Amino acid sequence: MRGKREIAALIPIVIVAMLNVKCSNGFGISSFGKANTDPPKPASTTTPPARPCTRQAECAGISSSSCVRTHYDPTTRCLCGDNQPPVNGQCDSQTKALYHACANSDECNDGLICGTPNITGTAPAHLRVHAPQDKICLCDAENGFVEKEHTCSDADILKTSLVAIFVVSCIRKILAN
């Protein structure tokens, strides 16, 4: 009697496993004479990379672009304020990210201010593309934003994360008891 129950319990598992097996050419099914009913694949829409630059002046012909380096590309390029390549020589982004040329802080993203970078002989290469008098979007250190790996980390976010971790661990302790 016990053997029949075990077999009866295995039958649904075997049926489900068989239904999940997809047919392939290995099972002797041929696609000879099959009409191609697959929809056409769209053309690749990847944007070409922006042109490389070594000085901010090289990007002057592209409105609202800056010679910047991002965390995902080791080459400085003429990029729009959102770190995307210009489309047909134009930038549509309204605000600017870290290291982009600016005239005032209103042009920079939240957590950034427009200021003069500290360009010395030991400054990173991605900052040396700017002239000493150029103003760029920098992390707003006075409000707790600190530069790390080409981005600004927010001290408030870190505090909020720590509070969230504390609250979750307290709730887990309460539920465990």
N, C-alpha and C. Protein backbone atom coordinates (compact mmCIF):
# COMPACT_ATOMS: atom_id res chain seq x y z
N MET A 1 0.83 -1.18 0.00
CA MET A 1 0.00 0.00 0.00
C MET A 1 0.88 1.25 0.00
N ARG A 2 1.97 1.15 0.77
CA ARG A 2 2.85 2.31 0.86
C ARG A 2 3.51 2.60 -0.48
N GLY A 3 3.89 1.61 -1.24
CA GLY A 3 4.53 1.76 -2.55
C GLY A 3 3.62 2.46 -3.55
N LYS A 4 2.30 2.14 -3.48
CA LYS A 4 1.35 2.79 -4.39
C LYS A 4 1.24 4.28 -4.10
N ARG A 5 1.31 4.67 -2.82
CA ARG A 5 1.23 6.10 -2.45
C ARG A 5 2.45 6.85 -2.97
N GLU A 6 3.62 6.21 -2.85
CA GLU A 6 4.83 6.87 -3.33
C GLU A 6 4.78 7.06 -4.84
N ILE A 7 4.30 6.06 -5.55
CA ILE A 7 4.19 6.16 -7.01
C ILE A 7 3.16 7.23 -7.37
N ALA A 8 2.03 7.24 -6.65
CA ALA A 8 0.99 8.22 -6.92
C ALA A 8 1.50 9.64 -6.67
N ALA A 9 2.38 9.79 -5.69
CA ALA A 9 2.93 11.12 -5.40
C ALA A 9 3.94 11.54 -6.47
N LEU A 10 4.64 10.58 -7.08
CA LEU A 10 5.64 10.89 -8.10
C LEU A 10 5.02 11.19 -9.46
N ILE A 11 3.85 10.67 -9.74
CA ILE A 11 3.24 10.84 -11.07
C ILE A 11 3.04 12.33 -11.41
N PRO A 12 2.46 13.15 -10.54
CA PRO A 12 2.30 14.57 -10.91
C PRO A 12 3.64 15.26 -11.15
N ILE A 13 4.67 14.88 -10.39
CA ILE A 13 5.98 15.49 -10.56
C ILE A 13 6.55 15.13 -11.93
N VAL A 14 6.41 13.87 -12.32
CA VAL A 14 6.91 13.42 -13.62
C VAL A 14 6.15 14.11 -14.75
N ILE A 15 4.84 14.26 -14.61
CA ILE A 15 4.04 14.91 -15.65
C ILE A 15 4.46 16.37 -15.80
N VAL A 16 4.63 17.08 -14.70
CA VAL A 16 5.05 18.47 -14.76
C VAL A 16 6.44 18.59 -15.39
N ALA A 17 7.33 17.69 -15.05
CA ALA A 17 8.67 17.71 -15.62
C ALA A 17 8.61 17.47 -17.13
N MET A 18 7.75 16.57 -17.57
CA MET A 18 7.63 16.29 -18.99
C MET A 18 7.04 17.47 -19.74
N LEU A 19 6.10 18.17 -19.13
CA LEU A 19 5.51 19.34 -19.78
C LEU A 19 6.50 20.49 -19.89
N ASN A 20 7.44 20.56 -18.97
CA ASN A 20 8.42 21.64 -18.99
C ASN A 20 9.56 21.39 -19.95
N VAL A 21 9.73 20.17 -20.45
CA VAL A 21 10.80 19.86 -21.40
C VAL A 21 10.41 20.44 -22.74
N LYS A 22 11.27 21.27 -23.32
CA LYS A 22 10.98 21.88 -24.62
C LYS A 22 11.57 21.00 -25.70
N CYS A 23 10.86 20.88 -26.80
CA CYS A 23 11.33 20.10 -27.93
C CYS A 23 12.48 20.83 -28.60
N SER A 24 13.44 20.06 -29.07
CA SER A 24 14.55 20.63 -29.81
C SER A 24 14.89 19.68 -30.94
N ASN A 25 15.86 20.05 -31.76
CA ASN A 25 16.26 19.18 -32.87
C ASN A 25 16.75 17.84 -32.36
N GLY A 26 17.19 17.76 -31.12
CA GLY A 26 17.68 16.51 -30.54
C GLY A 26 16.58 15.46 -30.42
N PHE A 27 15.31 15.87 -30.43
CA PHE A 27 14.21 14.93 -30.31
C PHE A 27 13.69 14.51 -31.67
N GLY A 28 14.39 14.87 -32.75
CA GLY A 28 13.99 14.43 -34.08
C GLY A 28 12.97 15.32 -34.74
N ILE A 29 12.67 16.46 -34.19
CA ILE A 29 11.71 17.37 -34.81
C ILE A 29 12.48 18.26 -35.75
N SER A 30 12.03 18.34 -36.97
CA SER A 30 12.74 19.10 -37.99
C SER A 30 11.99 20.38 -38.28
N SER A 31 12.71 21.41 -38.68
CA SER A 31 12.06 22.65 -39.07
C SER A 31 12.05 22.79 -40.59
N PHE A 32 12.32 21.69 -41.31
CA PHE A 32 12.34 21.71 -42.77
C PHE A 32 10.96 22.09 -43.28
N GLY A 33 10.91 23.10 -44.13
CA GLY A 33 9.64 23.51 -44.72
C GLY A 33 8.84 24.44 -43.82
N LYS A 34 9.36 24.80 -42.68
CA LYS A 34 8.64 25.69 -41.77
C LYS A 34 8.77 27.11 -42.26
N ALA A 35 7.68 27.83 -42.33
CA ALA A 35 7.70 29.22 -42.76
C ALA A 35 8.29 30.09 -41.65
N ASN A 36 9.02 31.10 -42.02
CA ASN A 36 9.60 32.02 -41.04
C ASN A 36 8.52 33.01 -40.61
N THR A 37 7.91 32.74 -39.47
CA THR A 37 6.85 33.61 -38.96
C THR A 37 7.33 34.51 -37.85
N ASP A 38 8.64 34.46 -37.56
CA ASP A 38 9.19 35.31 -36.52
C ASP A 38 9.16 36.77 -36.98
N PRO A 39 8.78 37.70 -36.08
CA PRO A 39 8.76 39.11 -36.49
C PRO A 39 10.19 39.59 -36.75
N PRO A 40 10.36 40.55 -37.65
CA PRO A 40 11.71 41.06 -37.92
C PRO A 40 12.28 41.73 -36.68
N LYS A 41 13.59 41.56 -36.52
CA LYS A 41 14.25 42.16 -35.37
C LYS A 41 14.51 43.63 -35.65
N PRO A 42 14.27 44.51 -34.66
CA PRO A 42 14.51 45.94 -34.90
C PRO A 42 15.99 46.21 -35.10
N ALA A 43 16.27 47.26 -35.85
CA ALA A 43 17.65 47.66 -36.08
C ALA A 43 18.27 48.13 -34.77
N SER A 44 19.55 47.95 -34.66
CA SER A 44 20.26 48.36 -33.44
C SER A 44 20.14 49.86 -33.25
N THR A 45 19.78 50.27 -32.04
CA THR A 45 19.61 51.70 -31.76
C THR A 45 20.66 52.20 -30.78
N THR A 46 21.80 51.54 -30.73
CA THR A 46 22.84 52.01 -29.82
C THR A 46 23.44 53.29 -30.36
N THR A 47 23.59 54.24 -29.47
CA THR A 47 24.14 55.53 -29.86
C THR A 47 25.65 55.42 -29.97
N PRO A 48 26.23 56.02 -30.99
CA PRO A 48 27.68 55.98 -31.06
C PRO A 48 28.28 56.78 -29.90
N PRO A 49 29.46 56.39 -29.47
CA PRO A 49 30.06 57.11 -28.36
C PRO A 49 30.38 58.55 -28.76
N ALA A 50 30.35 59.42 -27.79
CA ALA A 50 30.66 60.83 -28.05
C ALA A 50 32.13 60.95 -28.39
N ARG A 51 32.47 62.04 -29.04
CA ARG A 51 33.86 62.20 -29.47
C ARG A 51 34.77 62.45 -28.27
N PRO A 52 35.96 61.88 -28.30
CA PRO A 52 36.92 62.09 -27.21
C PRO A 52 37.43 63.53 -27.22
N CYS A 53 37.87 63.98 -26.05
CA CYS A 53 38.40 65.34 -25.94
C CYS A 53 39.51 65.37 -24.88
N THR A 54 40.35 66.38 -24.97
CA THR A 54 41.40 66.56 -23.97
C THR A 54 41.29 67.92 -23.30
N ARG A 55 40.49 68.83 -23.85
CA ARG A 55 40.27 70.16 -23.30
C ARG A 55 38.80 70.53 -23.44
N GLN A 56 38.30 71.32 -22.52
CA GLN A 56 36.92 71.78 -22.56
C GLN A 56 36.64 72.54 -23.86
N ALA A 57 37.61 73.26 -24.36
CA ALA A 57 37.43 74.07 -25.58
C ALA A 57 37.08 73.21 -26.79
N GLU A 58 37.46 71.94 -26.79
CA GLU A 58 37.17 71.04 -27.90
C GLU A 58 35.68 70.71 -28.01
N CYS A 59 34.93 70.97 -26.96
CA CYS A 59 33.49 70.69 -26.96
C CYS A 59 32.66 71.95 -27.20
N ALA A 60 33.31 73.06 -27.47
CA ALA A 60 32.61 74.34 -27.63
C ALA A 60 31.60 74.31 -28.77
N GLY A 61 31.83 73.51 -29.80
CA GLY A 61 30.90 73.46 -30.93
C GLY A 61 29.60 72.73 -30.64
N ILE A 62 29.53 72.03 -29.52
CA ILE A 62 28.31 71.28 -29.16
C ILE A 62 27.69 72.00 -27.96
N SER A 63 26.55 72.64 -28.19
CA SER A 63 25.93 73.43 -27.12
C SER A 63 25.60 72.57 -25.91
N SER A 64 25.88 73.09 -24.74
CA SER A 64 25.58 72.46 -23.44
C SER A 64 26.35 71.17 -23.20
N SER A 65 27.46 70.94 -23.90
CA SER A 65 28.26 69.75 -23.64
C SER A 65 29.51 70.14 -22.87
N SER A 66 30.12 69.15 -22.24
CA SER A 66 31.33 69.36 -21.47
C SER A 66 32.29 68.23 -21.73
N CYS A 67 33.58 68.51 -21.59
CA CYS A 67 34.60 67.47 -21.71
C CYS A 67 34.72 66.82 -20.34
N VAL A 68 34.12 65.64 -20.19
CA VAL A 68 34.06 64.97 -18.89
C VAL A 68 34.40 63.49 -19.01
N ARG A 69 34.74 62.91 -17.89
CA ARG A 69 34.96 61.47 -17.77
C ARG A 69 33.90 60.93 -16.83
N THR A 70 33.33 59.80 -17.17
CA THR A 70 32.32 59.18 -16.33
C THR A 70 32.91 57.94 -15.67
N HIS A 71 32.19 57.37 -14.72
CA HIS A 71 32.67 56.18 -14.02
C HIS A 71 32.68 54.95 -14.92
N TYR A 72 31.92 54.97 -16.01
CA TYR A 72 31.85 53.80 -16.87
C TYR A 72 32.72 53.90 -18.12
N ASP A 73 33.48 55.01 -18.27
CA ASP A 73 34.32 55.18 -19.45
C ASP A 73 35.61 55.89 -19.05
N PRO A 74 36.76 55.28 -19.27
CA PRO A 74 38.01 55.90 -18.86
C PRO A 74 38.45 57.07 -19.76
N THR A 75 37.74 57.30 -20.86
CA THR A 75 38.09 58.37 -21.80
C THR A 75 37.25 59.61 -21.53
N THR A 76 37.89 60.79 -21.54
CA THR A 76 37.11 62.03 -21.43
C THR A 76 36.47 62.28 -22.79
N ARG A 77 35.18 62.63 -22.77
CA ARG A 77 34.40 62.82 -24.00
C ARG A 77 33.52 64.05 -23.88
N CYS A 78 33.09 64.58 -25.02
CA CYS A 78 32.13 65.68 -25.07
C CYS A 78 30.74 65.10 -24.82
N LEU A 79 30.25 65.24 -23.61
CA LEU A 79 28.96 64.66 -23.22
C LEU A 79 27.98 65.74 -22.81
N CYS A 80 26.70 65.43 -22.94
CA CYS A 80 25.65 66.34 -22.46
C CYS A 80 25.61 66.31 -20.94
N GLY A 81 24.85 67.19 -20.34
CA GLY A 81 24.78 67.30 -18.89
C GLY A 81 24.33 66.04 -18.18
N ASP A 82 23.59 65.16 -18.89
CA ASP A 82 23.14 63.89 -18.30
C ASP A 82 24.11 62.75 -18.60
N ASN A 83 25.33 63.09 -19.04
CA ASN A 83 26.40 62.14 -19.38
C ASN A 83 26.07 61.26 -20.57
N GLN A 84 25.14 61.70 -21.41
CA GLN A 84 24.81 60.98 -22.65
C GLN A 84 25.46 61.69 -23.83
N PRO A 85 25.76 60.97 -24.90
CA PRO A 85 26.35 61.62 -26.07
C PRO A 85 25.33 62.55 -26.73
N PRO A 86 25.80 63.63 -27.34
CA PRO A 86 24.88 64.53 -28.06
C PRO A 86 24.24 63.81 -29.24
N VAL A 87 23.02 64.20 -29.57
CA VAL A 87 22.31 63.65 -30.71
C VAL A 87 22.28 64.75 -31.77
N ASN A 88 22.85 64.46 -32.91
CA ASN A 88 22.95 65.43 -34.00
C ASN A 88 23.59 66.74 -33.54
N GLY A 89 24.60 66.63 -32.67
CA GLY A 89 25.33 67.81 -32.22
C GLY A 89 24.57 68.67 -31.22
N GLN A 90 23.50 68.13 -30.63
CA GLN A 90 22.68 68.90 -29.69
C GLN A 90 22.50 68.13 -28.38
N CYS A 91 22.37 68.90 -27.30
CA CYS A 91 22.08 68.32 -25.99
C CYS A 91 20.72 68.82 -25.52
N ASP A 92 19.91 67.89 -25.00
CA ASP A 92 18.58 68.26 -24.51
C ASP A 92 18.48 68.32 -23.00
N SER A 93 19.49 67.85 -22.29
CA SER A 93 19.39 67.78 -20.83
C SER A 93 19.32 69.18 -20.23
N GLN A 94 18.50 69.31 -19.20
CA GLN A 94 18.27 70.60 -18.57
C GLN A 94 19.31 70.91 -17.49
N THR A 95 19.71 69.89 -16.73
CA THR A 95 20.69 70.11 -15.67
C THR A 95 21.95 69.32 -15.98
N LYS A 96 22.98 69.56 -15.18
CA LYS A 96 24.28 68.96 -15.45
C LYS A 96 24.76 68.12 -14.28
N ALA A 97 25.47 67.06 -14.62
CA ALA A 97 26.02 66.15 -13.63
C ALA A 97 27.42 66.61 -13.22
N LEU A 98 28.05 65.82 -12.38
CA LEU A 98 29.38 66.11 -11.85
C LEU A 98 30.40 66.36 -12.96
N TYR A 99 31.24 67.36 -12.77
CA TYR A 99 32.35 67.79 -13.64
C TYR A 99 31.92 68.55 -14.89
N HIS A 100 30.64 68.79 -15.11
CA HIS A 100 30.21 69.52 -16.30
C HIS A 100 30.41 71.02 -16.11
N ALA A 101 30.77 71.70 -17.20
CA ALA A 101 30.98 73.15 -17.17
C ALA A 101 29.65 73.83 -16.83
N CYS A 102 29.72 74.90 -16.02
CA CYS A 102 28.51 75.60 -15.60
C CYS A 102 28.81 77.08 -15.40
N ALA A 103 27.75 77.87 -15.36
CA ALA A 103 27.88 79.29 -15.07
C ALA A 103 27.41 79.59 -13.65
N ASN A 104 26.41 78.80 -13.17
CA ASN A 104 25.91 78.97 -11.79
C ASN A 104 25.35 77.65 -11.30
N SER A 105 25.09 77.57 -10.00
CA SER A 105 24.66 76.31 -9.36
C SER A 105 23.28 75.85 -9.81
N ASP A 106 22.46 76.77 -10.35
CA ASP A 106 21.14 76.37 -10.83
C ASP A 106 21.23 75.39 -12.00
N GLU A 107 22.35 75.40 -12.72
CA GLU A 107 22.53 74.50 -13.85
C GLU A 107 22.90 73.08 -13.40
N CYS A 108 23.37 72.92 -12.19
CA CYS A 108 23.86 71.63 -11.70
C CYS A 108 22.75 70.82 -11.05
N ASN A 109 22.89 69.49 -11.08
CA ASN A 109 21.95 68.58 -10.42
C ASN A 109 21.93 68.82 -8.91
N ASP A 110 20.94 68.25 -8.24
CA ASP A 110 20.86 68.32 -6.78
C ASP A 110 22.12 67.73 -6.17
N GLY A 111 22.61 68.34 -5.12
CA GLY A 111 23.81 67.87 -4.43
C GLY A 111 25.09 68.40 -5.03
N LEU A 112 24.96 69.22 -6.09
CA LEU A 112 26.12 69.79 -6.75
C LEU A 112 26.06 71.32 -6.69
N ILE A 113 27.23 71.93 -6.68
CA ILE A 113 27.33 73.39 -6.78
C ILE A 113 28.30 73.73 -7.90
N CYS A 114 28.14 74.91 -8.46
CA CYS A 114 29.01 75.37 -9.52
C CYS A 114 30.20 76.07 -8.87
N GLY A 115 31.38 75.56 -9.11
CA GLY A 115 32.57 76.14 -8.48
C GLY A 115 33.82 75.88 -9.31
N THR A 116 34.90 76.47 -8.86
CA THR A 116 36.18 76.31 -9.54
C THR A 116 36.89 75.10 -8.95
N PRO A 117 37.28 74.14 -9.79
CA PRO A 117 37.96 72.94 -9.27
C PRO A 117 39.38 73.28 -8.83
N ASN A 118 39.88 72.50 -7.90
CA ASN A 118 41.25 72.66 -7.43
C ASN A 118 42.16 71.87 -8.36
N ILE A 119 42.64 72.56 -9.39
CA ILE A 119 43.46 71.90 -10.40
C ILE A 119 44.93 72.20 -10.11
N THR A 120 45.62 71.18 -9.67
CA THR A 120 47.05 71.30 -9.40
C THR A 120 47.78 70.25 -10.22
N GLY A 121 49.07 70.16 -10.06
CA GLY A 121 49.85 69.15 -10.78
C GLY A 121 49.45 67.75 -10.43
N THR A 122 48.88 67.54 -9.23
CA THR A 122 48.48 66.19 -8.80
C THR A 122 46.99 65.93 -9.03
N ALA A 123 46.29 66.87 -9.64
CA ALA A 123 44.86 66.69 -9.89
C ALA A 123 44.66 65.53 -10.87
N PRO A 124 43.56 64.79 -10.72
CA PRO A 124 43.28 63.69 -11.65
C PRO A 124 43.18 64.21 -13.09
N ALA A 125 43.49 63.36 -14.05
CA ALA A 125 43.50 63.75 -15.46
C ALA A 125 42.15 64.28 -15.92
N HIS A 126 41.05 63.73 -15.40
CA HIS A 126 39.73 64.17 -15.84
C HIS A 126 39.41 65.59 -15.39
N LEU A 127 40.16 66.13 -14.43
CA LEU A 127 39.96 67.53 -14.02
C LEU A 127 40.88 68.46 -14.79
N ARG A 128 41.97 67.94 -15.30
CA ARG A 128 42.93 68.79 -16.01
C ARG A 128 42.45 69.21 -17.39
N VAL A 129 41.27 68.76 -17.82
CA VAL A 129 40.72 69.20 -19.11
C VAL A 129 40.19 70.62 -19.00
N HIS A 130 40.03 71.11 -17.78
CA HIS A 130 39.49 72.45 -17.55
C HIS A 130 40.61 73.45 -17.30
N ALA A 131 40.37 74.68 -17.72
CA ALA A 131 41.31 75.76 -17.43
C ALA A 131 41.11 76.17 -15.97
N PRO A 132 42.14 76.78 -15.34
CA PRO A 132 42.00 77.15 -13.92
C PRO A 132 40.82 78.08 -13.62
N GLN A 133 40.38 78.87 -14.60
CA GLN A 133 39.27 79.79 -14.36
C GLN A 133 37.90 79.17 -14.67
N ASP A 134 37.86 77.97 -15.26
CA ASP A 134 36.59 77.31 -15.58
C ASP A 134 35.82 76.97 -14.31
N LYS A 135 34.50 77.05 -14.42
CA LYS A 135 33.63 76.62 -13.32
C LYS A 135 32.95 75.33 -13.75
N ILE A 136 32.89 74.38 -12.83
CA ILE A 136 32.25 73.09 -13.11
C ILE A 136 31.35 72.70 -11.94
N CYS A 137 30.46 71.75 -12.19
CA CYS A 137 29.59 71.23 -11.13
C CYS A 137 30.42 70.31 -10.23
N LEU A 138 30.44 70.62 -8.95
CA LEU A 138 31.20 69.86 -7.95
C LEU A 138 30.27 69.41 -6.84
N CYS A 139 30.67 68.41 -6.08
CA CYS A 139 29.87 67.94 -4.94
C CYS A 139 29.74 69.06 -3.92
N ASP A 140 28.54 69.23 -3.37
CA ASP A 140 28.27 70.26 -2.37
C ASP A 140 28.70 69.75 -1.00
N ALA A 141 29.98 69.93 -0.69
CA ALA A 141 30.55 69.42 0.56
C ALA A 141 29.91 70.06 1.79
N GLU A 142 29.49 71.32 1.68
CA GLU A 142 28.87 72.00 2.83
C GLU A 142 27.57 71.34 3.26
N ASN A 143 26.90 70.66 2.35
CA ASN A 143 25.64 69.98 2.67
C ASN A 143 25.80 68.47 2.76
N GLY A 144 27.03 67.99 2.93
CA GLY A 144 27.26 66.58 3.19
C GLY A 144 27.47 65.71 1.98
N PHE A 145 27.63 66.29 0.81
CA PHE A 145 27.87 65.50 -0.40
C PHE A 145 29.37 65.37 -0.60
N VAL A 146 29.85 64.13 -0.72
CA VAL A 146 31.27 63.86 -0.83
C VAL A 146 31.53 63.09 -2.12
N GLU A 147 32.59 63.48 -2.84
CA GLU A 147 32.91 62.82 -4.10
C GLU A 147 33.57 61.48 -3.86
N LYS A 148 33.09 60.47 -4.59
CA LYS A 148 33.68 59.15 -4.52
C LYS A 148 33.40 58.45 -5.84
N GLU A 149 34.45 58.06 -6.56
CA GLU A 149 34.34 57.32 -7.81
C GLU A 149 33.43 58.01 -8.83
N HIS A 150 33.67 59.27 -9.07
CA HIS A 150 32.98 60.08 -10.07
C HIS A 150 31.49 60.29 -9.78
N THR A 151 31.10 60.17 -8.53
CA THR A 151 29.73 60.48 -8.11
C THR A 151 29.80 61.17 -6.75
N CYS A 152 28.68 61.73 -6.35
CA CYS A 152 28.60 62.37 -5.04
C CYS A 152 27.76 61.49 -4.13
N SER A 153 28.32 61.11 -2.99
CA SER A 153 27.54 60.33 -2.03
C SER A 153 26.90 61.31 -1.07
N ASP A 154 25.70 61.00 -0.67
CA ASP A 154 24.92 61.87 0.19
C ASP A 154 24.96 61.35 1.62
N ALA A 155 25.44 62.16 2.53
CA ALA A 155 25.51 61.77 3.94
C ALA A 155 24.11 61.52 4.50
N ASP A 156 23.09 62.28 4.03
CA ASP A 156 21.73 62.08 4.52
C ASP A 156 21.19 60.72 4.12
N ILE A 157 21.51 60.27 2.93
CA ILE A 157 21.06 58.95 2.48
C ILE A 157 21.70 57.88 3.36
N LEU A 158 22.96 58.05 3.68
CA LEU A 158 23.64 57.08 4.54
C LEU A 158 22.97 57.04 5.91
N LYS A 159 22.66 58.20 6.47
CA LYS A 159 21.98 58.25 7.78
C LYS A 159 20.63 57.56 7.70
N THR A 160 19.87 57.85 6.63
CA THR A 160 18.55 57.24 6.46
C THR A 160 18.68 55.73 6.34
N SER A 161 19.68 55.26 5.61
CA SER A 161 19.88 53.82 5.45
C SER A 161 20.20 53.16 6.78
N LEU A 162 21.02 53.79 7.59
CA LEU A 162 21.35 53.23 8.89
C LEU A 162 20.13 53.17 9.79
N VAL A 163 19.29 54.21 9.75
CA VAL A 163 18.06 54.21 10.54
C VAL A 163 17.14 53.09 10.06
N ALA A 164 17.03 52.93 8.74
CA ALA A 164 16.17 51.87 8.19
C ALA A 164 16.66 50.49 8.62
N ILE A 165 17.96 50.27 8.59
CA ILE A 165 18.51 48.98 9.03
C ILE A 165 18.19 48.74 10.50
N PHE A 166 18.32 49.77 11.32
CA PHE A 166 18.02 49.65 12.75
C PHE A 166 16.55 49.30 12.96
N VAL A 167 15.64 49.99 12.26
CA VAL A 167 14.20 49.75 12.41
C VAL A 167 13.86 48.33 11.97
N VAL A 168 14.40 47.88 10.85
CA VAL A 168 14.10 46.54 10.34
C VAL A 168 14.61 45.48 11.32
N SER A 169 15.81 45.68 11.86
CA SER A 169 16.33 44.69 12.81
C SER A 169 15.50 44.66 14.09
N CYS A 170 15.01 45.81 14.53
CA CYS A 170 14.13 45.83 15.71
C CYS A 170 12.82 45.09 15.44
N ILE A 171 12.25 45.31 14.27
CA ILE A 171 11.00 44.64 13.92
C ILE A 171 11.22 43.12 13.84
N ARG A 172 12.35 42.71 13.28
CA ARG A 172 12.65 41.26 13.20
C ARG A 172 12.78 40.66 14.58
N LYS A 173 13.41 41.38 15.53
CA LYS A 173 13.54 40.88 16.89
C LYS A 173 12.17 40.73 17.55
N ILE A 174 11.31 41.73 17.33
CA ILE A 174 9.97 41.69 17.92
C ILE A 174 9.17 40.52 17.37
N LEU A 175 9.25 40.31 16.05
CA LEU A 175 8.51 39.22 15.43
C LEU A 175 9.07 37.85 15.81
N ALA A 176 10.38 37.79 16.08
CA ALA A 176 11.00 36.52 16.46
C ALA A 176 10.58 36.10 17.87
N ASN A 177 10.24 37.02 18.71
CA ASN A 177 9.85 36.70 20.10
C ASN A 177 8.42 36.35 20.22
